[in-house]
Amino acid sequence: MLNCYAPLIAALALAAAGTVRAQQGPSPREACQPDVKRLCPNLQPGQRPRDCLLQHRDQVSDACKAAVMRARAAHQAGKGQGGTPNPG
Protein backbone atom coordinates (compact mmCIF):
# COMPACT_ATOMS: atom_id res chain seq x y z
CA MET A 1 0.00 0.00 0.00
CA LEU A 2 3.09 2.18 -0.02
CA ASN A 3 2.37 3.00 -3.67
CA CYS A 4 -0.35 5.47 -2.75
CA TYR A 5 2.17 7.48 -0.71
CA ALA A 6 4.86 7.72 -3.41
CA PRO A 7 4.33 11.43 -4.24
CA LEU A 8 4.10 12.30 -0.54
CA ILE A 9 7.31 10.41 0.07
CA ALA A 10 9.07 12.31 -2.68
CA ALA A 11 7.80 15.70 -1.51
CA LEU A 12 8.69 15.12 2.12
CA ALA A 13 12.10 13.75 1.18
CA LEU A 14 12.91 17.01 -0.56
CA ALA A 15 11.66 19.03 2.40
CA ALA A 16 13.40 16.99 5.09
CA ALA A 17 16.85 17.94 6.33
CA GLY A 18 19.52 15.68 7.75
CA THR A 19 20.28 12.03 7.37
CA VAL A 20 17.52 9.50 7.60
CA ARG A 21 18.31 6.24 9.30
CA ALA A 22 16.19 3.21 8.53
CA GLN A 23 14.63 2.28 11.86
CA GLN A 24 11.66 0.18 12.74
CA GLY A 25 8.47 2.04 13.44
CA PRO A 26 4.92 2.42 12.22
CA SER A 27 4.19 2.28 8.51
CA PRO A 28 3.36 5.54 6.75
CA ARG A 29 -0.26 4.44 6.57
CA GLU A 30 -0.41 3.91 10.36
CA ALA A 31 1.59 7.01 11.26
CA CYS A 32 -0.24 9.32 8.84
CA GLN A 33 -3.79 8.14 9.57
CA PRO A 34 -4.32 10.71 12.36
CA ASP A 35 -3.14 13.45 9.98
CA VAL A 36 -5.52 12.24 7.30
CA LYS A 37 -8.39 12.36 9.81
CA ARG A 38 -7.35 15.79 11.09
CA LEU A 39 -6.39 17.48 7.82
CA CYS A 40 -8.69 15.69 5.38
CA PRO A 41 -11.99 15.09 7.21
CA ASN A 42 -14.08 15.38 4.04
CA LEU A 43 -12.14 12.85 1.97
CA GLN A 44 -14.51 11.16 -0.45
CA PRO A 45 -14.30 7.54 -1.64
CA GLY A 46 -11.81 7.37 -4.46
CA GLN A 47 -9.86 10.42 -3.30
CA ARG A 48 -6.26 9.77 -2.36
CA PRO A 49 -5.11 10.73 1.13
CA ARG A 50 -1.65 11.58 -0.24
CA ASP A 51 -3.09 14.39 -2.38
CA CYS A 52 -4.66 16.00 0.66
CA LEU A 53 -1.53 15.51 2.77
CA LEU A 54 0.60 17.09 0.05
CA GLN A 55 -1.69 20.13 0.08
CA HIS A 56 -1.17 20.38 3.85
CA ARG A 57 2.48 19.22 3.96
CA ASP A 58 3.41 22.08 6.29
CA GLN A 59 0.91 20.74 8.85
CA VAL A 60 1.81 17.05 8.61
CA SER A 61 2.96 15.61 11.94
CA ASP A 62 6.56 14.72 12.66
CA ALA A 63 5.49 11.10 13.22
CA CYS A 64 4.03 10.91 9.71
CA LYS A 65 7.08 12.58 8.17
CA ALA A 66 9.41 10.20 10.02
CA ALA A 67 7.47 7.13 8.90
CA VAL A 68 7.49 8.34 5.31
CA MET A 69 11.22 9.01 5.46
CA ARG A 70 11.90 5.54 6.93
CA ALA A 71 9.85 3.95 4.17
CA ARG A 72 11.66 5.97 1.54
CA ALA A 73 15.07 5.02 2.96
CA ALA A 74 14.08 1.34 3.04
CA HIS A 75 12.75 1.57 -0.51
CA GLN A 76 15.95 3.23 -1.74
CA ALA A 77 18.08 0.62 0.05
CA GLY A 78 16.08 -2.13 -1.63
CA LYS A 79 16.60 -0.60 -5.05
CA GLY A 80 20.33 -0.53 -4.44
CA GLN A 81 20.36 -4.22 -3.60
CA GLY A 82 18.82 -5.57 -6.77
CA GLY A 83 15.22 -4.63 -6.00
CA THR A 84 12.99 -3.57 -8.82
CA PRO A 85 12.01 0.10 -8.94
CA ASN A 86 8.40 0.83 -8.18
CA PRO A 87 6.74 2.66 -11.10
CA GLY A 88 4.74 4.63 -8.74
PDB file of N, CA and C in Angstrom:
ATOM      1  N   MET A   1       0.829  -1.192   0.000  1.00  0.00           N
ATOM      2  CA  MET A   1       0.000   0.000   0.000  1.00  0.00           C
ATOM      3  C   MET A   1       0.871   1.253   0.000  1.00  0.00           C
ATOM      4  N   LEU A   2       2.175   1.056   0.017  1.00  0.00           N
ATOM      5  CA  LEU A   2       3.095   2.178  -0.018  1.00  0.00           C
ATOM      6  C   LEU A   2       2.959   2.971  -1.310  1.00  0.00           C
ATOM      7  N   ASN A   3       2.494   2.325  -2.384  1.00  0.00           N
ATOM      8  CA  ASN A   3       2.375   2.997  -3.671  1.00  0.00           C
ATOM      9  C   ASN A   3       1.554   4.272  -3.595  1.00  0.00           C
ATOM     10  N   CYS A   4       0.507   4.291  -2.794  1.00  0.00           N
ATOM     11  CA  CYS A   4      -0.349   5.472  -2.752  1.00  0.00           C
ATOM     12  C   CYS A   4       0.337   6.649  -2.066  1.00  0.00           C
ATOM     13  N   TYR A   5       1.452   6.406  -1.397  1.00  0.00           N
ATOM     14  CA  TYR A   5       2.167   7.479  -0.715  1.00  0.00           C
ATOM     15  C   TYR A   5       3.407   7.938  -1.478  1.00  0.00           C
ATOM     16  N   ALA A   6       3.642   7.409  -2.670  1.00  0.00           N
ATOM     17  CA  ALA A   6       4.864   7.716  -3.408  1.00  0.00           C
ATOM     18  C   ALA A   6       5.075   9.220  -3.608  1.00  0.00           C
ATOM     19  N   PRO A   7       4.090   9.997  -4.082  1.00  0.00           N
ATOM     20  CA  PRO A   7       4.327  11.433  -4.235  1.00  0.00           C
ATOM     21  C   PRO A   7       4.565  12.140  -2.903  1.00  0.00           C
ATOM     22  N   LEU A   8       3.868  11.714  -1.859  1.00  0.00           N
ATOM     23  CA  LEU A   8       4.096  12.302  -0.538  1.00  0.00           C
ATOM     24  C   LEU A   8       5.507  12.009  -0.083  1.00  0.00           C
ATOM     25  N   ILE A   9       5.952  10.789  -0.304  1.00  0.00           N
ATOM     26  CA  ILE A   9       7.305  10.405   0.074  1.00  0.00           C
ATOM     27  C   ILE A   9       8.318  11.298  -0.632  1.00  0.00           C
ATOM     28  N   ALA A  10       8.136  11.484  -1.920  1.00  0.00           N
ATOM     29  CA  ALA A  10       9.067  12.306  -2.683  1.00  0.00           C
ATOM     30  C   ALA A  10       9.061  13.754  -2.198  1.00  0.00           C
ATOM     31  N   ALA A  11       7.893  14.308  -1.955  1.00  0.00           N
ATOM     32  CA  ALA A  11       7.796  15.700  -1.508  1.00  0.00           C
ATOM     33  C   ALA A  11       8.415  15.892  -0.135  1.00  0.00           C
ATOM     34  N   LEU A  12       8.144  14.992   0.782  1.00  0.00           N
ATOM     35  CA  LEU A  12       8.690  15.117   2.123  1.00  0.00           C
ATOM     36  C   LEU A  12      10.194  14.864   2.136  1.00  0.00           C
ATOM     37  N   ALA A  13      10.662  14.006   1.251  1.00  0.00           N
ATOM     38  CA  ALA A  13      12.095  13.751   1.180  1.00  0.00           C
ATOM     39  C   ALA A  13      12.845  15.008   0.781  1.00  0.00           C
ATOM     40  N   LEU A  14      12.277  15.767  -0.142  1.00  0.00           N
ATOM     41  CA  LEU A  14      12.910  17.011  -0.560  1.00  0.00           C
ATOM     42  C   LEU A  14      12.873  18.056   0.551  1.00  0.00           C
ATOM     43  N   ALA A  15      11.822  18.040   1.349  1.00  0.00           N
ATOM     44  CA  ALA A  15      11.659  19.035   2.399  1.00  0.00           C
ATOM     45  C   ALA A  15      12.426  18.686   3.670  1.00  0.00           C
ATOM     46  N   ALA A  16      12.749  17.428   3.845  1.00  0.00           N
ATOM     47  CA  ALA A  16      13.404  16.989   5.086  1.00  0.00           C
ATOM     48  C   ALA A  16      14.889  17.336   5.055  1.00  0.00           C
ATOM     49  N   ALA A  17      15.424  17.648   6.232  1.00  0.00           N
ATOM     50  CA  ALA A  17      16.853  17.941   6.333  1.00  0.00           C
ATOM     51  C   ALA A  17      17.515  16.865   7.179  1.00  0.00           C
ATOM     52  N   GLY A  18      18.779  16.647   6.953  1.00  0.00           N
ATOM     53  CA  GLY A  18      19.524  15.682   7.750  1.00  0.00           C
ATOM     54  C   GLY A  18      19.529  14.312   7.126  1.00  0.00           C
ATOM     55  N   THR A  19      20.163  13.404   7.823  1.00  0.00           N
ATOM     56  CA  THR A  19      20.284  12.031   7.366  1.00  0.00           C
ATOM     57  C   THR A  19      19.183  11.194   7.964  1.00  0.00           C
ATOM     58  N   VAL A  20      18.597  10.371   7.142  1.00  0.00           N
ATOM     59  CA  VAL A  20      17.523   9.495   7.604  1.00  0.00           C
ATOM     60  C   VAL A  20      18.109   8.112   7.829  1.00  0.00           C
ATOM     61  N   ARG A  21      17.880   7.598   8.999  1.00  0.00           N
ATOM     62  CA  ARG A  21      18.313   6.239   9.296  1.00  0.00           C
ATOM     63  C   ARG A  21      17.101   5.331   9.235  1.00  0.00           C
ATOM     64  N   ALA A  22      17.282   4.181   8.599  1.00  0.00           N
ATOM     65  CA  ALA A  22      16.187   3.213   8.533  1.00  0.00           C
ATOM     66  C   ALA A  22      16.034   2.568   9.906  1.00  0.00           C
ATOM     67  N   GLN A  23      14.923   2.838  10.550  1.00  0.00           N
ATOM     68  CA  GLN A  23      14.627   2.283  11.859  1.00  0.00           C
ATOM     69  C   GLN A  23      13.234   1.691  11.802  1.00  0.00           C
ATOM     70  N   GLN A  24      12.996   0.752  12.693  1.00  0.00           N
ATOM     71  CA  GLN A  24      11.662   0.180  12.741  1.00  0.00           C
ATOM     72  C   GLN A  24      10.716   1.188  13.366  1.00  0.00           C
ATOM     73  N   GLY A  25       9.500   1.160  12.921  1.00  0.00           N
ATOM     74  CA  GLY A  25       8.468   2.036  13.438  1.00  0.00           C
ATOM     75  C   GLY A  25       7.197   1.791  12.664  1.00  0.00           C
ATOM     76  N   PRO A  26       6.183   2.606  12.924  1.00  0.00           N
ATOM     77  CA  PRO A  26       4.920   2.419  12.219  1.00  0.00           C
ATOM     78  C   PRO A  26       5.063   2.686  10.725  1.00  0.00           C
ATOM     79  N   SER A  27       4.206   2.047   9.957  1.00  0.00           N
ATOM     80  CA  SER A  27       4.193   2.280   8.514  1.00  0.00           C
ATOM     81  C   SER A  27       3.664   3.692   8.257  1.00  0.00           C
ATOM     82  N   PRO A  28       3.915   4.237   7.068  1.00  0.00           N
ATOM     83  CA  PRO A  28       3.356   5.545   6.753  1.00  0.00           C
ATOM     84  C   PRO A  28       1.829   5.572   6.881  1.00  0.00           C
ATOM     85  N   ARG A  29       1.203   4.488   6.478  1.00  0.00           N
ATOM     86  CA  ARG A  29      -0.260   4.445   6.575  1.00  0.00           C
ATOM     87  C   ARG A  29      -0.709   4.583   8.025  1.00  0.00           C
ATOM     88  N   GLU A  30      -0.053   3.852   8.937  1.00  0.00           N
ATOM     89  CA  GLU A  30      -0.411   3.911  10.362  1.00  0.00           C
ATOM     90  C   GLU A  30      -0.069   5.279  10.955  1.00  0.00           C
ATOM     91  N   ALA A  31       1.128   5.755  10.670  1.00  0.00           N
ATOM     92  CA  ALA A  31       1.588   7.007  11.263  1.00  0.00           C
ATOM     93  C   ALA A  31       0.842   8.225  10.720  1.00  0.00           C
ATOM     94  N   CYS A  32       0.401   8.161   9.472  1.00  0.00           N
ATOM     95  CA  CYS A  32      -0.242   9.317   8.840  1.00  0.00           C
ATOM     96  C   CYS A  32      -1.759   9.316   8.985  1.00  0.00           C
ATOM     97  N   GLN A  33      -2.331   8.209   9.442  1.00  0.00           N
ATOM     98  CA  GLN A  33      -3.789   8.137   9.569  1.00  0.00           C
ATOM     99  C   GLN A  33      -4.368   9.260  10.430  1.00  0.00           C
ATOM    100  N   PRO A  34      -3.767   9.584  11.589  1.00  0.00           N
ATOM    101  CA  PRO A  34      -4.315  10.710  12.364  1.00  0.00           C
ATOM    102  C   PRO A  34      -4.269  12.029  11.592  1.00  0.00           C
ATOM    103  N   ASP A  35      -3.228  12.228  10.790  1.00  0.00           N
ATOM    104  CA  ASP A  35      -3.138  13.449   9.979  1.00  0.00           C
ATOM    105  C   ASP A  35      -4.219  13.469   8.914  1.00  0.00           C
ATOM    106  N   VAL A  36      -4.469  12.309   8.311  1.00  0.00           N
ATOM    107  CA  VAL A  36      -5.524  12.238   7.299  1.00  0.00           C
ATOM    108  C   VAL A  36      -6.862  12.604   7.937  1.00  0.00           C
ATOM    109  N   LYS A  37      -7.126  12.050   9.119  1.00  0.00           N
ATOM    110  CA  LYS A  37      -8.389  12.360   9.810  1.00  0.00           C
ATOM    111  C   LYS A  37      -8.479  13.825  10.183  1.00  0.00           C
ATOM    112  N   ARG A  38      -7.361  14.395  10.634  1.00  0.00           N
ATOM    113  CA  ARG A  38      -7.348  15.792  11.086  1.00  0.00           C
ATOM    114  C   ARG A  38      -7.368  16.780   9.921  1.00  0.00           C
ATOM    115  N   LEU A  39      -6.564  16.525   8.908  1.00  0.00           N
ATOM    116  CA  LEU A  39      -6.391  17.481   7.816  1.00  0.00           C
ATOM    117  C   LEU A  39      -7.333  17.254   6.642  1.00  0.00           C
ATOM    118  N   CYS A  40      -7.886  16.057   6.544  1.00  0.00           N
ATOM    119  CA  CYS A  40      -8.690  15.690   5.376  1.00  0.00           C
ATOM    120  C   CYS A  40     -10.011  15.062   5.814  1.00  0.00           C
ATOM    121  N   PRO A  41     -10.781  15.720   6.668  1.00  0.00           N
ATOM    122  CA  PRO A  41     -11.985  15.088   7.210  1.00  0.00           C
ATOM    123  C   PRO A  41     -13.071  14.824   6.165  1.00  0.00           C
ATOM    124  N   ASN A  42     -13.030  15.515   5.057  1.00  0.00           N
ATOM    125  CA  ASN A  42     -14.078  15.377   4.041  1.00  0.00           C
ATOM    126  C   ASN A  42     -13.619  14.554   2.838  1.00  0.00           C
ATOM    127  N   LEU A  43     -12.641  13.700   3.045  1.00  0.00           N
ATOM    128  CA  LEU A  43     -12.140  12.854   1.971  1.00  0.00           C
ATOM    129  C   LEU A  43     -13.262  11.953   1.465  1.00  0.00           C
ATOM    130  N   GLN A  44     -13.455  11.950   0.175  1.00  0.00           N
ATOM    131  CA  GLN A  44     -14.507  11.157  -0.450  1.00  0.00           C
ATOM    132  C   GLN A  44     -13.939   9.838  -0.944  1.00  0.00           C
ATOM    133  N   PRO A  45     -14.775   8.808  -1.073  1.00  0.00           N
ATOM    134  CA  PRO A  45     -14.300   7.542  -1.638  1.00  0.00           C
ATOM    135  C   PRO A  45     -13.662   7.789  -3.000  1.00  0.00           C
ATOM    136  N   GLY A  46     -12.528   7.195  -3.200  1.00  0.00           N
ATOM    137  CA  GLY A  46     -11.815   7.371  -4.463  1.00  0.00           C
ATOM    138  C   GLY A  46     -10.770   8.472  -4.409  1.00  0.00           C
ATOM    139  N   GLN A  47     -10.883   9.382  -3.451  1.00  0.00           N
ATOM    140  CA  GLN A  47      -9.864  10.422  -3.295  1.00  0.00           C
ATOM    141  C   GLN A  47      -8.661   9.835  -2.577  1.00  0.00           C
ATOM    142  N   ARG A  48      -7.487  10.293  -2.941  1.00  0.00           N
ATOM    143  CA  ARG A  48      -6.264   9.767  -2.359  1.00  0.00           C
ATOM    144  C   ARG A  48      -5.831  10.623  -1.175  1.00  0.00           C
ATOM    145  N   PRO A  49      -5.582   9.986  -0.042  1.00  0.00           N
ATOM    146  CA  PRO A  49      -5.106  10.729   1.127  1.00  0.00           C
ATOM    147  C   PRO A  49      -3.819  11.492   0.849  1.00  0.00           C
ATOM    148  N   ARG A  50      -2.937  10.924   0.028  1.00  0.00           N
ATOM    149  CA  ARG A  50      -1.653  11.585  -0.241  1.00  0.00           C
ATOM    150  C   ARG A  50      -1.855  12.955  -0.875  1.00  0.00           C
ATOM    151  N   ASP A  51      -2.859  13.094  -1.741  1.00  0.00           N
ATOM    152  CA  ASP A  51      -3.091  14.386  -2.383  1.00  0.00           C
ATOM    153  C   ASP A  51      -3.432  15.448  -1.347  1.00  0.00           C
ATOM    154  N   CYS A  52      -4.280  15.082  -0.402  1.00  0.00           N
ATOM    155  CA  CYS A  52      -4.658  16.003   0.662  1.00  0.00           C
ATOM    156  C   CYS A  52      -3.452  16.320   1.542  1.00  0.00           C
ATOM    157  N   LEU A  53      -2.687  15.285   1.910  1.00  0.00           N
ATOM    158  CA  LEU A  53      -1.527  15.507   2.768  1.00  0.00           C
ATOM    159  C   LEU A  53      -0.489  16.386   2.075  1.00  0.00           C
ATOM    160  N   LEU A  54      -0.330  16.227   0.790  1.00  0.00           N
ATOM    161  CA  LEU A  54       0.596  17.088   0.050  1.00  0.00           C
ATOM    162  C   LEU A  54       0.137  18.542   0.087  1.00  0.00           C
ATOM    163  N   GLN A  55      -1.164  18.758   0.018  1.00  0.00           N
ATOM    164  CA  GLN A  55      -1.687  20.125   0.080  1.00  0.00           C
ATOM    165  C   GLN A  55      -1.461  20.752   1.455  1.00  0.00           C
ATOM    166  N   HIS A  56      -1.346  19.903   2.475  1.00  0.00           N
ATOM    167  CA  HIS A  56      -1.172  20.376   3.854  1.00  0.00           C
ATOM    168  C   HIS A  56       0.191  19.965   4.409  1.00  0.00           C
ATOM    169  N   ARG A  57       1.186  19.781   3.531  1.00  0.00           N
ATOM    170  CA  ARG A  57       2.476  19.222   3.961  1.00  0.00           C
ATOM    171  C   ARG A  57       3.112  20.003   5.098  1.00  0.00           C
ATOM    172  N   ASP A  58       2.831  21.299   5.202  1.00  0.00           N
ATOM    173  CA  ASP A  58       3.412  22.081   6.290  1.00  0.00           C
ATOM    174  C   ASP A  58       2.745  21.789   7.632  1.00  0.00           C
ATOM    175  N   GLN A  59       1.627  21.079   7.626  1.00  0.00           N
ATOM    176  CA  GLN A  59       0.905  20.745   8.847  1.00  0.00           C
ATOM    177  C   GLN A  59       0.990  19.254   9.196  1.00  0.00           C
ATOM    178  N   VAL A  60       1.683  18.484   8.375  1.00  0.00           N
ATOM    179  CA  VAL A  60       1.806  17.047   8.609  1.00  0.00           C
ATOM    180  C   VAL A  60       2.671  16.816   9.845  1.00  0.00           C
ATOM    181  N   SER A  61       2.267  15.876  10.677  1.00  0.00           N
ATOM    182  CA  SER A  61       2.959  15.606  11.938  1.00  0.00           C
ATOM    183  C   SER A  61       4.365  15.068  11.710  1.00  0.00           C
ATOM    184  N   ASP A  62       5.206  15.258  12.722  1.00  0.00           N
ATOM    185  CA  ASP A  62       6.559  14.724  12.665  1.00  0.00           C
ATOM    186  C   ASP A  62       6.547  13.201  12.584  1.00  0.00           C
ATOM    187  N   ALA A  63       5.588  12.559  13.254  1.00  0.00           N
ATOM    188  CA  ALA A  63       5.492  11.096  13.216  1.00  0.00           C
ATOM    189  C   ALA A  63       5.224  10.603  11.797  1.00  0.00           C
ATOM    190  N   CYS A  64       4.340  11.278  11.099  1.00  0.00           N
ATOM    191  CA  CYS A  64       4.032  10.907   9.714  1.00  0.00           C
ATOM    192  C   CYS A  64       5.256  11.130   8.832  1.00  0.00           C
ATOM    193  N   LYS A  65       5.887  12.287   8.977  1.00  0.00           N
ATOM    194  CA  LYS A  65       7.075  12.579   8.175  1.00  0.00           C
ATOM    195  C   LYS A  65       8.165  11.541   8.419  1.00  0.00           C
ATOM    196  N   ALA A  66       8.375  11.172   9.689  1.00  0.00           N
ATOM    197  CA  ALA A  66       9.415  10.197  10.020  1.00  0.00           C
ATOM    198  C   ALA A  66       9.104   8.836   9.401  1.00  0.00           C
ATOM    199  N   ALA A  67       7.848   8.415   9.473  1.00  0.00           N
ATOM    200  CA  ALA A  67       7.468   7.125   8.898  1.00  0.00           C
ATOM    201  C   ALA A  67       7.657   7.127   7.389  1.00  0.00           C
ATOM    202  N   VAL A  68       7.320   8.220   6.756  1.00  0.00           N
ATOM    203  CA  VAL A  68       7.488   8.337   5.306  1.00  0.00           C
ATOM    204  C   VAL A  68       8.972   8.300   4.951  1.00  0.00           C
ATOM    205  N   MET A  69       9.786   8.990   5.736  1.00  0.00           N
ATOM    206  CA  MET A  69      11.221   9.007   5.455  1.00  0.00           C
ATOM    207  C   MET A  69      11.843   7.623   5.676  1.00  0.00           C
ATOM    208  N   ARG A  70      11.407   6.901   6.709  1.00  0.00           N
ATOM    209  CA  ARG A  70      11.904   5.544   6.931  1.00  0.00           C
ATOM    210  C   ARG A  70      11.536   4.647   5.754  1.00  0.00           C
ATOM    211  N   ALA A  71      10.301   4.765   5.298  1.00  0.00           N
ATOM    212  CA  ALA A  71       9.847   3.948   4.171  1.00  0.00           C
ATOM    213  C   ALA A  71      10.637   4.287   2.916  1.00  0.00           C
ATOM    214  N   ARG A  72      10.892   5.564   2.711  1.00  0.00           N
ATOM    215  CA  ARG A  72      11.662   5.969   1.541  1.00  0.00           C
ATOM    216  C   ARG A  72      13.090   5.428   1.619  1.00  0.00           C
ATOM    217  N   ALA A  73      13.704   5.525   2.788  1.00  0.00           N
ATOM    218  CA  ALA A  73      15.065   5.020   2.959  1.00  0.00           C
ATOM    219  C   ALA A  73      15.102   3.510   2.715  1.00  0.00           C
ATOM    220  N   ALA A  74      14.134   2.791   3.235  1.00  0.00           N
ATOM    221  CA  ALA A  74      14.075   1.342   3.039  1.00  0.00           C
ATOM    222  C   ALA A  74      13.864   1.017   1.566  1.00  0.00           C
ATOM    223  N   HIS A  75      13.019   1.787   0.914  1.00  0.00           N
ATOM    224  CA  HIS A  75      12.752   1.574  -0.511  1.00  0.00           C
ATOM    225  C   HIS A  75      14.025   1.822  -1.330  1.00  0.00           C
ATOM    226  N   GLN A  76      14.720   2.909  -1.020  1.00  0.00           N
ATOM    227  CA  GLN A  76      15.954   3.226  -1.740  1.00  0.00           C
ATOM    228  C   GLN A  76      17.024   2.164  -1.490  1.00  0.00           C
ATOM    229  N   ALA A  77      17.114   1.669  -0.263  1.00  0.00           N
ATOM    230  CA  ALA A  77      18.078   0.624   0.055  1.00  0.00           C
ATOM    231  C   ALA A  77      17.755  -0.648  -0.730  1.00  0.00           C
ATOM    232  N   GLY A  78      16.495  -0.962  -0.863  1.00  0.00           N
ATOM    233  CA  GLY A  78      16.078  -2.134  -1.625  1.00  0.00           C
ATOM    234  C   GLY A  78      16.403  -2.013  -3.095  1.00  0.00           C
ATOM    235  N   LYS A  79      16.267  -0.813  -3.644  1.00  0.00           N
ATOM    236  CA  LYS A  79      16.596  -0.600  -5.049  1.00  0.00           C
ATOM    237  C   LYS A  79      18.080  -0.772  -5.284  1.00  0.00           C
ATOM    238  N   GLY A  80      18.893  -0.406  -4.306  1.00  0.00           N
ATOM    239  CA  GLY A  80      20.333  -0.525  -4.438  1.00  0.00           C
ATOM    240  C   GLY A  80      20.820  -1.949  -4.282  1.00  0.00           C
ATOM    241  N   GLN A  81      19.952  -2.840  -3.815  1.00  0.00           N
ATOM    242  CA  GLN A  81      20.358  -4.220  -3.597  1.00  0.00           C
ATOM    243  C   GLN A  81      19.629  -5.175  -4.554  1.00  0.00           C
ATOM    244  N   GLY A  82      19.405  -4.706  -5.764  1.00  0.00           N
ATOM    245  CA  GLY A  82      18.818  -5.568  -6.772  1.00  0.00           C
ATOM    246  C   GLY A  82      17.303  -5.574  -6.793  1.00  0.00           C
ATOM    247  N   GLY A  83      16.667  -4.724  -5.971  1.00  0.00           N
ATOM    248  CA  GLY A  83      15.216  -4.629  -6.004  1.00  0.00           C
ATOM    249  C   GLY A  83      14.743  -3.957  -7.272  1.00  0.00           C
ATOM    250  N   THR A  84      13.530  -4.195  -7.633  1.00  0.00           N
ATOM    251  CA  THR A  84      12.990  -3.568  -8.822  1.00  0.00           C
ATOM    252  C   THR A  84      12.362  -2.242  -8.449  1.00  0.00           C
ATOM    253  N   PRO A  85      12.618  -1.201  -9.233  1.00  0.00           N
ATOM    254  CA  PRO A  85      12.008   0.102  -8.943  1.00  0.00           C
ATOM    255  C   PRO A  85      10.503   0.024  -9.045  1.00  0.00           C
ATOM    256  N   ASN A  86       9.863   0.776  -8.200  1.00  0.00           N
ATOM    257  CA  ASN A  86       8.403   0.829  -8.182  1.00  0.00           C
ATOM    258  C   ASN A  86       7.953   1.938  -9.122  1.00  0.00           C
ATOM    259  N   PRO A  87       7.140   1.635 -10.133  1.00  0.00           N
ATOM    260  CA  PRO A  87       6.736   2.658 -11.102  1.00  0.00           C
ATOM    261  C   PRO A  87       5.847   3.728 -10.512  1.00  0.00           C
ATOM    262  N   GLY A  88       5.365   3.524  -9.304  1.00  0.00           N
ATOM    263  CA  GLY A  88       4.738   4.631  -8.737  1.00  0.00           C
ATOM    264  C   GLY A  88       3.457   4.692  -8.192  1.00  0.00           C
TER     265      GLY A  88
END
